[in-house]
Amino acid sequence: MPHVLLVDDEAPLRESLTYALEKEGYDVTTAADGADAIKQFHKQVPDVILLDLMLPQIDGMEVCWRIRAFSDVPIVMLTAKDQDIEKAWGLEAGADDYVTKPFDTNDLLTRIETVLRDRQTTD
C-alpha cells in the first residue's frame, strides 16, 4: 500500500483528502505545517508527498528544497497560487507536479498514480 504524506494547513481539506486517499488504498500521514512535514518525513519516508505551498512555520517551497537535498520522493504541490511564475518556481524547487486549488479529487488521484508510476519506471 503506497504511503502518502499530505501537508496542508487547512484541516477540512486534509480530512477530505485523507478519506479519498484511504478509500483508494493509500496509507496517509498528515501534517499541518512545514516543520511537522519534515518531522513526519523522517519518521516514515512516504512514497509521495502532497505539499501545500502556503504553510505556517516553514513554507512549502522551503520544505520541498530541504527534502530534495537528500531524497527524490515524488512531490505534488497543492496550492491556491496559480500564476505561471509560481508554478515554475515550484517545479524548479523540485516538485514533480503542480495542482492548483480548487481541484478535482479524481484528477489529483490520477496525478498521484502517474508520479508513482513514473518513479517506478526510473528506478
PDB file of N, CA and C in Angstrom:
ATOM      1  N   MET A   1       0.844  -1.166   0.000  1.00  0.00           N
ATOM      2  CA  MET A   1       0.000   0.000   0.000  1.00  0.00           C
ATOM      3  C   MET A   1       0.899   1.242   0.000  1.00  0.00           C
ATOM      4  N   PRO A   2       0.806   2.112  -1.019  1.00  0.00           N
ATOM      5  CA  PRO A   2       1.646   3.308  -1.061  1.00  0.00           C
ATOM      6  C   PRO A   2       1.323   4.259   0.094  1.00  0.00           C
ATOM      7  N   HIS A   3       2.370   4.885   0.596  1.00  0.00           N
ATOM      8  CA  HIS A   3       2.236   5.807   1.716  1.00  0.00           C
ATOM      9  C   HIS A   3       2.319   7.251   1.203  1.00  0.00           C
ATOM     10  N   VAL A   4       1.329   8.071   1.580  1.00  0.00           N
ATOM     11  CA  VAL A   4       1.254   9.469   1.172  1.00  0.00           C
ATOM     12  C   VAL A   4       1.461  10.356   2.396  1.00  0.00           C
ATOM     13  N   LEU A   5       2.317  11.356   2.261  1.00  0.00           N
ATOM     14  CA  LEU A   5       2.430  12.412   3.261  1.00  0.00           C
ATOM     15  C   LEU A   5       1.659  13.606   2.720  1.00  0.00           C
ATOM     16  N   LEU A   6       0.565  13.949   3.369  1.00  0.00           N
ATOM     17  CA  LEU A   6      -0.310  15.046   2.960  1.00  0.00           C
ATOM     18  C   LEU A   6      -0.044  16.240   3.865  1.00  0.00           C
ATOM     19  N   VAL A   7       0.435  17.335   3.278  1.00  0.00           N
ATOM     20  CA  VAL A   7       0.811  18.516   4.048  1.00  0.00           C
ATOM     21  C   VAL A   7      -0.039  19.698   3.612  1.00  0.00           C
ATOM     22  N   ASP A   8      -0.936  20.131   4.487  1.00  0.00           N
ATOM     23  CA  ASP A   8      -1.792  21.283   4.205  1.00  0.00           C
ATOM     24  C   ASP A   8      -2.279  21.847   5.528  1.00  0.00           C
ATOM     25  N   ASP A   9      -2.353  23.160   5.627  1.00  0.00           N
ATOM     26  CA  ASP A   9      -2.784  23.772   6.882  1.00  0.00           C
ATOM     27  C   ASP A   9      -4.299  23.867   7.012  1.00  0.00           C
ATOM     28  N   GLU A  10      -5.037  23.504   5.981  1.00  0.00           N
ATOM     29  CA  GLU A  10      -6.499  23.535   6.032  1.00  0.00           C
ATOM     30  C   GLU A  10      -7.025  22.171   6.487  1.00  0.00           C
ATOM     31  N   ALA A  11      -7.523  22.118   7.735  1.00  0.00           N
ATOM     32  CA  ALA A  11      -7.995  20.849   8.301  1.00  0.00           C
ATOM     33  C   ALA A  11      -9.096  20.194   7.465  1.00  0.00           C
ATOM     34  N   PRO A  12     -10.105  20.930   6.970  1.00  0.00           N
ATOM     35  CA  PRO A  12     -11.142  20.267   6.165  1.00  0.00           C
ATOM     36  C   PRO A  12     -10.585  19.612   4.897  1.00  0.00           C
ATOM     37  N   LEU A  13      -9.608  20.261   4.267  1.00  0.00           N
ATOM     38  CA  LEU A  13      -9.000  19.678   3.069  1.00  0.00           C
ATOM     39  C   LEU A  13      -8.205  18.429   3.429  1.00  0.00           C
ATOM     40  N   ARG A  14      -7.440  18.490   4.521  1.00  0.00           N
ATOM     41  CA  ARG A  14      -6.695  17.294   4.960  1.00  0.00           C
ATOM     42  C   ARG A  14      -7.631  16.132   5.221  1.00  0.00           C
ATOM     43  N   GLU A  15      -8.743  16.411   5.895  1.00  0.00           N
ATOM     44  CA  GLU A  15      -9.692  15.349   6.234  1.00  0.00           C
ATOM     45  C   GLU A  15     -10.339  14.754   4.989  1.00  0.00           C
ATOM     46  N   SER A  16     -10.784  15.604   4.065  1.00  0.00           N
ATOM     47  CA  SER A  16     -11.459  15.079   2.870  1.00  0.00           C
ATOM     48  C   SER A  16     -10.483  14.336   1.964  1.00  0.00           C
ATOM     49  N   LEU A  17      -9.261  14.847   1.829  1.00  0.00           N
ATOM     50  CA  LEU A  17      -8.277  14.146   1.003  1.00  0.00           C
ATOM     51  C   LEU A  17      -7.818  12.847   1.652  1.00  0.00           C
ATOM     52  N   THR A  18      -7.664  12.856   2.955  1.00  0.00           N
ATOM     53  CA  THR A  18      -7.301  11.623   3.655  1.00  0.00           C
ATOM     54  C   THR A  18      -8.356  10.556   3.391  1.00  0.00           C
ATOM     55  N   TYR A  19      -9.611  10.935   3.509  1.00  0.00           N
ATOM     56  CA  TYR A  19     -10.700   9.989   3.249  1.00  0.00           C
ATOM     57  C   TYR A  19     -10.609   9.451   1.812  1.00  0.00           C
ATOM     58  N   ALA A  20     -10.467  10.339   0.840  1.00  0.00           N
ATOM     59  CA  ALA A  20     -10.411   9.917  -0.568  1.00  0.00           C
ATOM     60  C   ALA A  20      -9.203   9.021  -0.832  1.00  0.00           C
ATOM     61  N   LEU A  21      -8.063   9.383  -0.278  1.00  0.00           N
ATOM     62  CA  LEU A  21      -6.847   8.588  -0.493  1.00  0.00           C
ATOM     63  C   LEU A  21      -6.951   7.209   0.156  1.00  0.00           C
ATOM     64  N   GLU A  22      -7.443   7.169   1.379  1.00  0.00           N
ATOM     65  CA  GLU A  22      -7.596   5.877   2.062  1.00  0.00           C
ATOM     66  C   GLU A  22      -8.602   4.993   1.338  1.00  0.00           C
ATOM     67  N   LYS A  23      -9.638   5.597   0.798  1.00  0.00           N
ATOM     68  CA  LYS A  23     -10.636   4.844   0.031  1.00  0.00           C
ATOM     69  C   LYS A  23     -10.000   4.196  -1.203  1.00  0.00           C
ATOM     70  N   GLU A  24      -8.961   4.839  -1.746  1.00  0.00           N
ATOM     71  CA  GLU A  24      -8.254   4.307  -2.918  1.00  0.00           C
ATOM     72  C   GLU A  24      -7.113   3.361  -2.532  1.00  0.00           C
ATOM     73  N   GLY A  25      -6.945   3.114  -1.237  1.00  0.00           N
ATOM     74  CA  GLY A  25      -5.949   2.150  -0.803  1.00  0.00           C
ATOM     75  C   GLY A  25      -4.622   2.731  -0.352  1.00  0.00           C
ATOM     76  N   TYR A  26      -4.537   4.035  -0.203  1.00  0.00           N
ATOM     77  CA  TYR A  26      -3.301   4.661   0.258  1.00  0.00           C
ATOM     78  C   TYR A  26      -3.261   4.717   1.785  1.00  0.00           C
ATOM     79  N   ASP A  27      -2.072   4.615   2.331  1.00  0.00           N
ATOM     80  CA  ASP A  27      -1.817   4.856   3.739  1.00  0.00           C
ATOM     81  C   ASP A  27      -1.443   6.337   3.826  1.00  0.00           C
ATOM     82  N   VAL A  28      -2.069   7.109   4.722  1.00  0.00           N
ATOM     83  CA  VAL A  28      -1.890   8.559   4.743  1.00  0.00           C
ATOM     84  C   VAL A  28      -1.387   9.032   6.102  1.00  0.00           C
ATOM     85  N   THR A  29      -0.361   9.862   6.061  1.00  0.00           N
ATOM     86  CA  THR A  29       0.106  10.613   7.218  1.00  0.00           C
ATOM     87  C   THR A  29      -0.107  12.074   6.877  1.00  0.00           C
ATOM     88  N   THR A  30      -0.547  12.871   7.856  1.00  0.00           N
ATOM     89  CA  THR A  30      -0.796  14.277   7.580  1.00  0.00           C
ATOM     90  C   THR A  30       0.095  15.173   8.434  1.00  0.00           C
ATOM     91  N   ALA A  31       0.283  16.391   7.930  1.00  0.00           N
ATOM     92  CA  ALA A  31       0.996  17.435   8.659  1.00  0.00           C
ATOM     93  C   ALA A  31       0.312  18.757   8.328  1.00  0.00           C
ATOM     94  N   ALA A  32       0.237  19.647   9.334  1.00  0.00           N
ATOM     95  CA  ALA A  32      -0.452  20.920   9.160  1.00  0.00           C
ATOM     96  C   ALA A  32       0.498  22.092   8.937  1.00  0.00           C
ATOM     97  N   ASP A  33       1.798  21.851   9.063  1.00  0.00           N
ATOM     98  CA  ASP A  33       2.764  22.925   8.839  1.00  0.00           C
ATOM     99  C   ASP A  33       4.064  22.327   8.315  1.00  0.00           C
ATOM    100  N   GLY A  34       4.953  23.206   7.855  1.00  0.00           N
ATOM    101  CA  GLY A  34       6.188  22.742   7.243  1.00  0.00           C
ATOM    102  C   GLY A  34       7.121  22.017   8.188  1.00  0.00           C
ATOM    103  N   ALA A  35       7.204  22.489   9.426  1.00  0.00           N
ATOM    104  CA  ALA A  35       8.092  21.833  10.391  1.00  0.00           C
ATOM    105  C   ALA A  35       7.624  20.409  10.669  1.00  0.00           C
ATOM    106  N   ASP A  36       6.325  20.240  10.845  1.00  0.00           N
ATOM    107  CA  ASP A  36       5.791  18.895  11.089  1.00  0.00           C
ATOM    108  C   ASP A  36       5.955  18.020   9.849  1.00  0.00           C
ATOM    109  N   ALA A  37       5.858  18.610   8.669  1.00  0.00           N
ATOM    110  CA  ALA A  37       6.043  17.835   7.436  1.00  0.00           C
ATOM    111  C   ALA A  37       7.425  17.196   7.395  1.00  0.00           C
ATOM    112  N   ILE A  38       8.438  17.983   7.728  1.00  0.00           N
ATOM    113  CA  ILE A  38       9.809  17.454   7.726  1.00  0.00           C
ATOM    114  C   ILE A  38       9.962  16.384   8.797  1.00  0.00           C
ATOM    115  N   LYS A  39       9.385  16.631   9.967  1.00  0.00           N
ATOM    116  CA  LYS A  39       9.432  15.646  11.051  1.00  0.00           C
ATOM    117  C   LYS A  39       8.759  14.337  10.625  1.00  0.00           C
ATOM    118  N   GLN A  40       7.554  14.425  10.033  1.00  0.00           N
ATOM    119  CA  GLN A  40       6.823  13.236   9.589  1.00  0.00           C
ATOM    120  C   GLN A  40       7.578  12.507   8.486  1.00  0.00           C
ATOM    121  N   PHE A  41       8.228  13.259   7.595  1.00  0.00           N
ATOM    122  CA  PHE A  41       9.011  12.650   6.527  1.00  0.00           C
ATOM    123  C   PHE A  41      10.110  11.766   7.108  1.00  0.00           C
ATOM    124  N   HIS A  42      10.793  12.255   8.129  1.00  0.00           N
ATOM    125  CA  HIS A  42      11.891  11.492   8.725  1.00  0.00           C
ATOM    126  C   HIS A  42      11.402  10.303   9.547  1.00  0.00           C
ATOM    127  N   LYS A  43      10.179  10.382  10.074  1.00  0.00           N
ATOM    128  CA  LYS A  43       9.622   9.261  10.837  1.00  0.00           C
ATOM    129  C   LYS A  43       9.328   8.076   9.924  1.00  0.00           C
ATOM    130  N   GLN A  44       8.735   8.375   8.763  1.00  0.00           N
ATOM    131  CA  GLN A  44       8.407   7.330   7.791  1.00  0.00           C
ATOM    132  C   GLN A  44       8.450   7.949   6.405  1.00  0.00           C
ATOM    133  N   VAL A  45       9.446   7.590   5.634  1.00  0.00           N
ATOM    134  CA  VAL A  45       9.598   8.155   4.294  1.00  0.00           C
ATOM    135  C   VAL A  45       8.415   7.713   3.431  1.00  0.00           C
ATOM    136  N   PRO A  46       7.670   8.687   2.887  1.00  0.00           N
ATOM    137  CA  PRO A  46       6.500   8.340   2.083  1.00  0.00           C
ATOM    138  C   PRO A  46       6.881   7.959   0.653  1.00  0.00           C
ATOM    139  N   ASP A  47       5.902   7.410  -0.060  1.00  0.00           N
ATOM    140  CA  ASP A  47       6.093   7.118  -1.481  1.00  0.00           C
ATOM    141  C   ASP A  47       5.814   8.350  -2.335  1.00  0.00           C
ATOM    142  N   VAL A  48       5.008   9.272  -1.803  1.00  0.00           N
ATOM    143  CA  VAL A  48       4.679  10.519  -2.500  1.00  0.00           C
ATOM    144  C   VAL A  48       4.269  11.555  -1.453  1.00  0.00           C
ATOM    145  N   ILE A  49       4.557  12.823  -1.751  1.00  0.00           N
ATOM    146  CA  ILE A  49       4.183  13.921  -0.865  1.00  0.00           C
ATOM    147  C   ILE A  49       3.224  14.843  -1.603  1.00  0.00           C
ATOM    148  N   LEU A  50       2.108  15.187  -0.963  1.00  0.00           N
ATOM    149  CA  LEU A  50       1.206  16.227  -1.440  1.00  0.00           C
ATOM    150  C   LEU A  50       1.494  17.434  -0.558  1.00  0.00           C
ATOM    151  N   LEU A  51       1.988  18.517  -1.139  1.00  0.00           N
ATOM    152  CA  LEU A  51       2.573  19.606  -0.369  1.00  0.00           C
ATOM    153  C   LEU A  51       1.980  20.955  -0.750  1.00  0.00           C
ATOM    154  N   ASP A  52       1.304  21.584   0.212  1.00  0.00           N
ATOM    155  CA  ASP A  52       0.788  22.937   0.016  1.00  0.00           C
ATOM    156  C   ASP A  52       1.971  23.907   0.049  1.00  0.00           C
ATOM    157  N   LEU A  53       1.877  24.991  -0.711  1.00  0.00           N
ATOM    158  CA  LEU A  53       2.945  25.988  -0.711  1.00  0.00           C
ATOM    159  C   LEU A  53       2.853  26.931   0.478  1.00  0.00           C
ATOM    160  N   MET A  54       1.657  27.375   0.796  1.00  0.00           N
ATOM    161  CA  MET A  54       1.484  28.368   1.853  1.00  0.00           C
ATOM    162  C   MET A  54       1.214  27.666   3.180  1.00  0.00           C
ATOM    163  N   LEU A  55       2.291  27.464   3.931  1.00  0.00           N
ATOM    164  CA  LEU A  55       2.219  26.748   5.208  1.00  0.00           C
ATOM    165  C   LEU A  55       2.772  27.609   6.330  1.00  0.00           C
ATOM    166  N   PRO A  56       2.277  27.392   7.547  1.00  0.00           N
ATOM    167  CA  PRO A  56       2.891  28.066   8.695  1.00  0.00           C
ATOM    168  C   PRO A  56       4.269  27.480   9.010  1.00  0.00           C
ATOM    169  N   GLN A  57       5.061  28.237   9.729  1.00  0.00           N
ATOM    170  CA  GLN A  57       6.399  27.884  10.204  1.00  0.00           C
ATOM    171  C   GLN A  57       7.417  27.799   9.070  1.00  0.00           C
ATOM    172  N   ILE A  58       7.322  26.808   8.225  1.00  0.00           N
ATOM    173  CA  ILE A  58       8.229  26.668   7.081  1.00  0.00           C
ATOM    174  C   ILE A  58       7.341  26.516   5.850  1.00  0.00           C
ATOM    175  N   ASP A  59       7.510  27.395   4.845  1.00  0.00           N
ATOM    176  CA  ASP A  59       6.626  27.310   3.683  1.00  0.00           C
ATOM    177  C   ASP A  59       6.940  26.086   2.824  1.00  0.00           C
ATOM    178  N   GLY A  60       6.001  25.741   1.977  1.00  0.00           N
ATOM    179  CA  GLY A  60       6.113  24.535   1.167  1.00  0.00           C
ATOM    180  C   GLY A  60       7.311  24.517   0.241  1.00  0.00           C
ATOM    181  N   MET A  61       7.692  25.684  -0.273  1.00  0.00           N
ATOM    182  CA  MET A  61       8.857  25.757  -1.153  1.00  0.00           C
ATOM    183  C   MET A  61      10.110  25.349  -0.385  1.00  0.00           C
ATOM    184  N   GLU A  62      10.261  25.852   0.826  1.00  0.00           N
ATOM    185  CA  GLU A  62      11.421  25.505   1.654  1.00  0.00           C
ATOM    186  C   GLU A  62      11.391  24.015   2.022  1.00  0.00           C
ATOM    187  N   VAL A  63      10.214  23.497   2.347  1.00  0.00           N
ATOM    188  CA  VAL A  63      10.079  22.059   2.647  1.00  0.00           C
ATOM    189  C   VAL A  63      10.546  21.248   1.443  1.00  0.00           C
ATOM    190  N   CYS A  64      10.108  21.651   0.267  1.00  0.00           N
ATOM    191  CA  CYS A  64      10.489  20.947  -0.963  1.00  0.00           C
ATOM    192  C   CYS A  64      12.014  20.971  -1.140  1.00  0.00           C
ATOM    193  N   TRP A  65      12.625  22.129  -0.992  1.00  0.00           N
ATOM    194  CA  TRP A  65      14.088  22.228  -1.135  1.00  0.00           C
ATOM    195  C   TRP A  65      14.809  21.342  -0.135  1.00  0.00           C
ATOM    196  N   ARG A  66      14.338  21.381   1.115  1.00  0.00           N
ATOM    197  CA  ARG A  66      15.011  20.587   2.154  1.00  0.00           C
ATOM    198  C   ARG A  66      14.907  19.094   1.867  1.00  0.00           C
ATOM    199  N   ILE A  67      13.744  18.650   1.434  1.00  0.00           N
ATOM    200  CA  ILE A  67      13.574  17.223   1.127  1.00  0.00           C
ATOM    201  C   ILE A  67      14.373  16.845  -0.109  1.00  0.00           C
ATOM    202  N   ARG A  68      14.388  17.713  -1.109  1.00  0.00           N
ATOM    203  CA  ARG A  68      15.138  17.438  -2.333  1.00  0.00           C
ATOM    204  C   ARG A  68      16.643  17.362  -2.095  1.00  0.00           C
ATOM    205  N   ALA A  69      17.111  17.932  -1.001  1.00  0.00           N
ATOM    206  CA  ALA A  69      18.544  17.891  -0.704  1.00  0.00           C
ATOM    207  C   ALA A  69      19.042  16.461  -0.492  1.00  0.00           C
ATOM    208  N   PHE A  70      18.123  15.536  -0.130  1.00  0.00           N
ATOM    209  CA  PHE A  70      18.566  14.169   0.149  1.00  0.00           C
ATOM    210  C   PHE A  70      17.596  13.096  -0.334  1.00  0.00           C
ATOM    211  N   SER A  71      16.500  13.474  -1.001  1.00  0.00           N
ATOM    212  CA  SER A  71      15.527  12.475  -1.426  1.00  0.00           C
ATOM    213  C   SER A  71      14.915  12.841  -2.774  1.00  0.00           C
ATOM    214  N   ASP A  72      14.579  11.821  -3.540  1.00  0.00           N
ATOM    215  CA  ASP A  72      13.896  12.060  -4.810  1.00  0.00           C
ATOM    216  C   ASP A  72      12.446  11.577  -4.779  1.00  0.00           C
ATOM    217  N   VAL A  73      11.863  11.478  -3.562  1.00  0.00           N
ATOM    218  CA  VAL A  73      10.464  11.077  -3.433  1.00  0.00           C
ATOM    219  C   VAL A  73       9.601  12.026  -4.275  1.00  0.00           C
ATOM    220  N   PRO A  74       8.601  11.508  -4.995  1.00  0.00           N
ATOM    221  CA  PRO A  74       7.747  12.389  -5.790  1.00  0.00           C
ATOM    222  C   PRO A  74       7.011  13.407  -4.911  1.00  0.00           C
ATOM    223  N   ILE A  75       6.970  14.652  -5.376  1.00  0.00           N
ATOM    224  CA  ILE A  75       6.288  15.728  -4.674  1.00  0.00           C
ATOM    225  C   ILE A  75       5.302  16.379  -5.624  1.00  0.00           C
ATOM    226  N   VAL A  76       4.035  16.438  -5.182  1.00  0.00           N
ATOM    227  CA  VAL A  76       2.993  17.141  -5.930  1.00  0.00           C
ATOM    228  C   VAL A  76       2.607  18.359  -5.103  1.00  0.00           C
ATOM    229  N   MET A  77       2.840  19.544  -5.657  1.00  0.00           N
ATOM    230  CA  MET A  77       2.473  20.782  -4.974  1.00  0.00           C
ATOM    231  C   MET A  77       0.970  20.992  -5.082  1.00  0.00           C
ATOM    232  N   LEU A  78       0.350  21.362  -3.968  1.00  0.00           N
ATOM    233  CA  LEU A  78      -1.063  21.732  -3.923  1.00  0.00           C
ATOM    234  C   LEU A  78      -1.123  23.185  -3.476  1.00  0.00           C
ATOM    235  N   THR A  79      -1.701  24.051  -4.289  1.00  0.00           N
ATOM    236  CA  THR A  79      -1.686  25.451  -3.912  1.00  0.00           C
ATOM    237  C   THR A  79      -2.767  26.271  -4.581  1.00  0.00           C
ATOM    238  N   ALA A  80      -3.133  27.347  -3.924  1.00  0.00           N
ATOM    239  CA  ALA A  80      -4.083  28.302  -4.498  1.00  0.00           C
ATOM    240  C   ALA A  80      -3.369  29.256  -5.442  1.00  0.00           C
ATOM    241  N   LYS A  81      -2.055  29.269  -5.406  1.00  0.00           N
ATOM    242  CA  LYS A  81      -1.283  30.154  -6.285  1.00  0.00           C
ATOM    243  C   LYS A  81      -1.280  29.564  -7.688  1.00  0.00           C
ATOM    244  N   ASP A  82      -1.876  30.308  -8.621  1.00  0.00           N
ATOM    245  CA  ASP A  82      -1.996  29.761  -9.974  1.00  0.00           C
ATOM    246  C   ASP A  82      -1.267  30.582 -11.033  1.00  0.00           C
ATOM    247  N   GLN A  83      -0.385  31.462 -10.610  1.00  0.00           N
ATOM    248  CA  GLN A  83       0.393  32.240 -11.561  1.00  0.00           C
ATOM    249  C   GLN A  83       1.473  31.348 -12.173  1.00  0.00           C
ATOM    250  N   ASP A  84       1.742  31.538 -13.453  1.00  0.00           N
ATOM    251  CA  ASP A  84       2.733  30.714 -14.137  1.00  0.00           C
ATOM    252  C   ASP A  84       4.100  30.776 -13.465  1.00  0.00           C
ATOM    253  N   ILE A  85       4.501  31.963 -12.995  1.00  0.00           N
ATOM    254  CA  ILE A  85       5.818  32.092 -12.363  1.00  0.00           C
ATOM    255  C   ILE A  85       5.890  31.254 -11.096  1.00  0.00           C
ATOM    256  N   GLU A  86       4.786  31.191 -10.343  1.00  0.00           N
ATOM    257  CA  GLU A  86       4.775  30.396  -9.123  1.00  0.00           C
ATOM    258  C   GLU A  86       4.841  28.911  -9.443  1.00  0.00           C
ATOM    259  N   LYS A  87       4.167  28.506 -10.510  1.00  0.00           N
ATOM    260  CA  LYS A  87       4.263  27.113 -10.942  1.00  0.00           C
ATOM    261  C   LYS A  87       5.702  26.780 -11.322  1.00  0.00           C
ATOM    262  N   ALA A  88       6.337  27.688 -12.051  1.00  0.00           N
ATOM    263  CA  ALA A  88       7.723  27.466 -12.462  1.00  0.00           C
ATOM    264  C   ALA A  88       8.631  27.354 -11.252  1.00  0.00           C
ATOM    265  N   TRP A  89       8.439  28.213 -10.244  1.00  0.00           N
ATOM    266  CA  TRP A  89       9.257  28.146  -9.033  1.00  0.00           C
ATOM    267  C   TRP A  89       9.066  26.810  -8.328  1.00  0.00           C
ATOM    268  N   GLY A  90       7.824  26.357  -8.235  1.00  0.00           N
ATOM    269  CA  GLY A  90       7.549  25.078  -7.591  1.00  0.00           C
ATOM    270  C   GLY A  90       8.239  23.923  -8.294  1.00  0.00           C
ATOM    271  N   LEU A  91       8.178  23.928  -9.609  1.00  0.00           N
ATOM    272  CA  LEU A  91       8.821  22.868 -10.378  1.00  0.00           C
ATOM    273  C   LEU A  91      10.339  22.973 -10.297  1.00  0.00           C
ATOM    274  N   GLU A  92      10.855  24.199 -10.304  1.00  0.00           N
ATOM    275  CA  GLU A  92      12.302  24.386 -10.170  1.00  0.00           C
ATOM    276  C   GLU A  92      12.803  23.970  -8.790  1.00  0.00           C
ATOM    277  N   ALA A  93      11.948  24.093  -7.782  1.00  0.00           N
ATOM    278  CA  ALA A  93      12.326  23.684  -6.423  1.00  0.00           C
ATOM    279  C   ALA A  93      12.409  22.174  -6.298  1.00  0.00           C
ATOM    280  N   GLY A  94      11.863  21.467  -7.293  1.00  0.00           N
ATOM    281  CA  GLY A  94      11.963  20.016  -7.272  1.00  0.00           C
ATOM    282  C   GLY A  94      10.647  19.283  -7.279  1.00  0.00           C
ATOM    283  N   ALA A  95       9.530  20.005  -7.371  1.00  0.00           N
ATOM    284  CA  ALA A  95       8.230  19.326  -7.430  1.00  0.00           C
ATOM    285  C   ALA A  95       8.098  18.561  -8.735  1.00  0.00           C
ATOM    286  N   ASP A  96       7.401  17.449  -8.694  1.00  0.00           N
ATOM    287  CA  ASP A  96       7.159  16.642  -9.890  1.00  0.00           C
ATOM    288  C   ASP A  96       5.896  17.074 -10.617  1.00  0.00           C
ATOM    289  N   ASP A  97       4.977  17.697  -9.890  1.00  0.00           N
ATOM    290  CA  ASP A  97       3.726  18.166 -10.481  1.00  0.00           C
ATOM    291  C   ASP A  97       3.201  19.307  -9.626  1.00  0.00           C
ATOM    292  N   TYR A  98       2.237  20.057 -10.177  1.00  0.00           N
ATOM    293  CA  TYR A  98       1.728  21.260  -9.524  1.00  0.00           C
ATOM    294  C   TYR A  98       0.234  21.312  -9.780  1.00  0.00           C
ATOM    295  N   VAL A  99      -0.567  21.261  -8.720  1.00  0.00           N
ATOM    296  CA  VAL A  99      -2.024  21.251  -8.842  1.00  0.00           C
ATOM    297  C   VAL A  99      -2.571  22.474  -8.120  1.00  0.00           C
ATOM    298  N   THR A 100      -3.416  23.246  -8.813  1.00  0.00           N
ATOM    299  CA  THR A 100      -3.978  24.439  -8.190  1.00  0.00           C
ATOM    300  C   THR A 100      -5.336  24.142  -7.573  1.00  0.00           C
ATOM    301  N   LYS A 101      -5.583  24.811  -6.434  1.00  0.00           N
ATOM    302  CA  LYS A 101      -6.857  24.698  -5.734  1.00  0.00           C
ATOM    303  C   LYS A 101      -7.828  25.697  -6.334  1.00  0.00           C
ATOM    304  N   PRO A 102      -9.082  25.388  -6.399  1.00  0.00           N
ATOM    305  CA  PRO A 102      -9.686  24.089  -6.102  1.00  0.00           C
ATOM    306  C   PRO A 102      -9.362  23.093  -7.215  1.00  0.00           C
ATOM    307  N   PHE A 103      -9.340  21.835  -6.885  1.00  0.00           N
ATOM    308  CA  PHE A 103      -9.011  20.800  -7.857  1.00  0.00           C
ATOM    309  C   PHE A 103     -10.026  19.678  -7.770  1.00  0.00           C
ATOM    310  N   ASP A 104     -10.066  18.886  -8.817  1.00  0.00           N
ATOM    311  CA  ASP A 104     -10.920  17.706  -8.860  1.00  0.00           C
ATOM    312  C   ASP A 104     -10.148  16.553  -8.203  1.00  0.00           C
ATOM    313  N   THR A 105     -10.744  15.922  -7.216  1.00  0.00           N
ATOM    314  CA  THR A 105     -10.076  14.840  -6.482  1.00  0.00           C
ATOM    315  C   THR A 105      -9.661  13.709  -7.408  1.00  0.00           C
ATOM    316  N   ASN A 106     -10.503  13.365  -8.375  1.00  0.00           N
ATOM    317  CA  ASN A 106     -10.143  12.291  -9.308  1.00  0.00           C
ATOM    318  C   ASN A 106      -8.921  12.667 -10.141  1.00  0.00           C
ATOM    319  N   ASP A 107      -8.825  13.939 -10.531  1.00  0.00           N
ATOM    320  CA  ASP A 107      -7.650  14.399 -11.265  1.00  0.00           C
ATOM    321  C   ASP A 107      -6.405  14.281 -10.391  1.00  0.00           C
ATOM    322  N   LEU A 108      -6.512  14.677  -9.124  1.00  0.00           N
ATOM    323  CA  LEU A 108      -5.380  14.571  -8.210  1.00  0.00           C
ATOM    324  C   LEU A 108      -4.964  13.113  -8.035  1.00  0.00           C
ATOM    325  N   LEU A 109      -5.913  12.222  -7.864  1.00  0.00           N
ATOM    326  CA  LEU A 109      -5.593  10.797  -7.722  1.00  0.00           C
ATOM    327  C   LEU A 109      -4.855  10.274  -8.952  1.00  0.00           C
ATOM    328  N   THR A 110      -5.279  10.702 -10.127  1.00  0.00           N
ATOM    329  CA  THR A 110      -4.613  10.302 -11.364  1.00  0.00           C
ATOM    330  C   THR A 110      -3.184  10.830 -11.398  1.00  0.00           C
ATOM    331  N   ARG A 111      -2.991  12.061 -10.980  1.00  0.00           N
ATOM    332  CA  ARG A 111      -1.643  12.637 -10.955  1.00  0.00           C
ATOM    333  C   ARG A 111      -0.740  11.896  -9.972  1.00  0.00           C
ATOM    334  N   ILE A 112      -1.293  11.500  -8.830  1.00  0.00           N
ATOM    335  CA  ILE A 112      -0.520  10.728  -7.855  1.00  0.00           C
ATOM    336  C   ILE A 112      -0.100   9.395  -8.469  1.00  0.00           C
ATOM    337  N   GLU A 113      -1.044   8.711  -9.088  1.00  0.00           N
ATOM    338  CA  GLU A 113      -0.728   7.435  -9.738  1.00  0.00           C
ATOM    339  C   GLU A 113       0.351   7.621 -10.798  1.00  0.00           C
ATOM    340  N   THR A 114       0.278   8.722 -11.532  1.00  0.00           N
ATOM    341  CA  THR A 114       1.241   8.988 -12.599  1.00  0.00           C
ATOM    342  C   THR A 114       2.646   9.210 -12.047  1.00  0.00           C
ATOM    343  N   VAL A 115       2.778  10.046 -11.004  1.00  0.00           N
ATOM    344  CA  VAL A 115       4.131  10.282 -10.466  1.00  0.00           C
ATOM    345  C   VAL A 115       4.690   9.017  -9.820  1.00  0.00           C
ATOM    346  N   LEU A 116       3.828   8.225  -9.206  1.00  0.00           N
ATOM    347  CA  LEU A 116       4.293   6.962  -8.633  1.00  0.00           C
ATOM    348  C   LEU A 116       4.747   5.997  -9.739  1.00  0.00           C
ATOM    349  N   ARG A 117       3.967   5.897 -10.796  1.00  0.00           N
ATOM    350  CA  ARG A 117       4.316   5.026 -11.918  1.00  0.00           C
ATOM    351  C   ARG A 117       5.605   5.502 -12.590  1.00  0.00           C
ATOM    352  N   ASP A 118       5.721   6.822 -12.797  1.00  0.00           N
ATOM    353  CA  ASP A 118       6.922   7.368 -13.421  1.00  0.00           C
ATOM    354  C   ASP A 118       8.150   7.095 -12.570  1.00  0.00           C
ATOM    355  N   ARG A 119       7.996   7.177 -11.268  1.00  0.00           N
ATOM    356  CA  ARG A 119       9.128   6.933 -10.369  1.00  0.00           C
ATOM    357  C   ARG A 119       9.553   5.463 -10.440  1.00  0.00           C
ATOM    358  N   GLN A 120       8.575   4.563 -10.540  1.00  0.00           N
ATOM    359  CA  GLN A 120       8.897   3.131 -10.617  1.00  0.00           C
ATOM    360  C   GLN A 120       9.642   2.793 -11.893  1.00  0.00           C
ATOM    361  N   THR A 121       9.310   3.465 -12.989  1.00  0.00           N
ATOM    362  CA  THR A 121       9.970   3.163 -14.264  1.00  0.00           C
ATOM    363  C   THR A 121      11.373   3.721 -14.320  1.00  0.00           C
ATOM    364  N   THR A 122      11.697   4.720 -13.467  1.00  0.00           N
ATOM    365  CA  THR A 122      13.064   5.263 -13.469  1.00  0.00           C
ATOM    366  C   THR A 122      13.946   4.591 -12.438  1.00  0.00           C
ATOM    367  N   ASP A 123      13.383   3.807 -11.552  1.00  0.00           N
ATOM    368  CA  ASP A 123      14.193   3.119 -10.516  1.00  0.00           C
ATOM    369  C   ASP A 123      14.852   1.873 -11.061  1.00  0.00           C
TER     370      ASP A 123
END
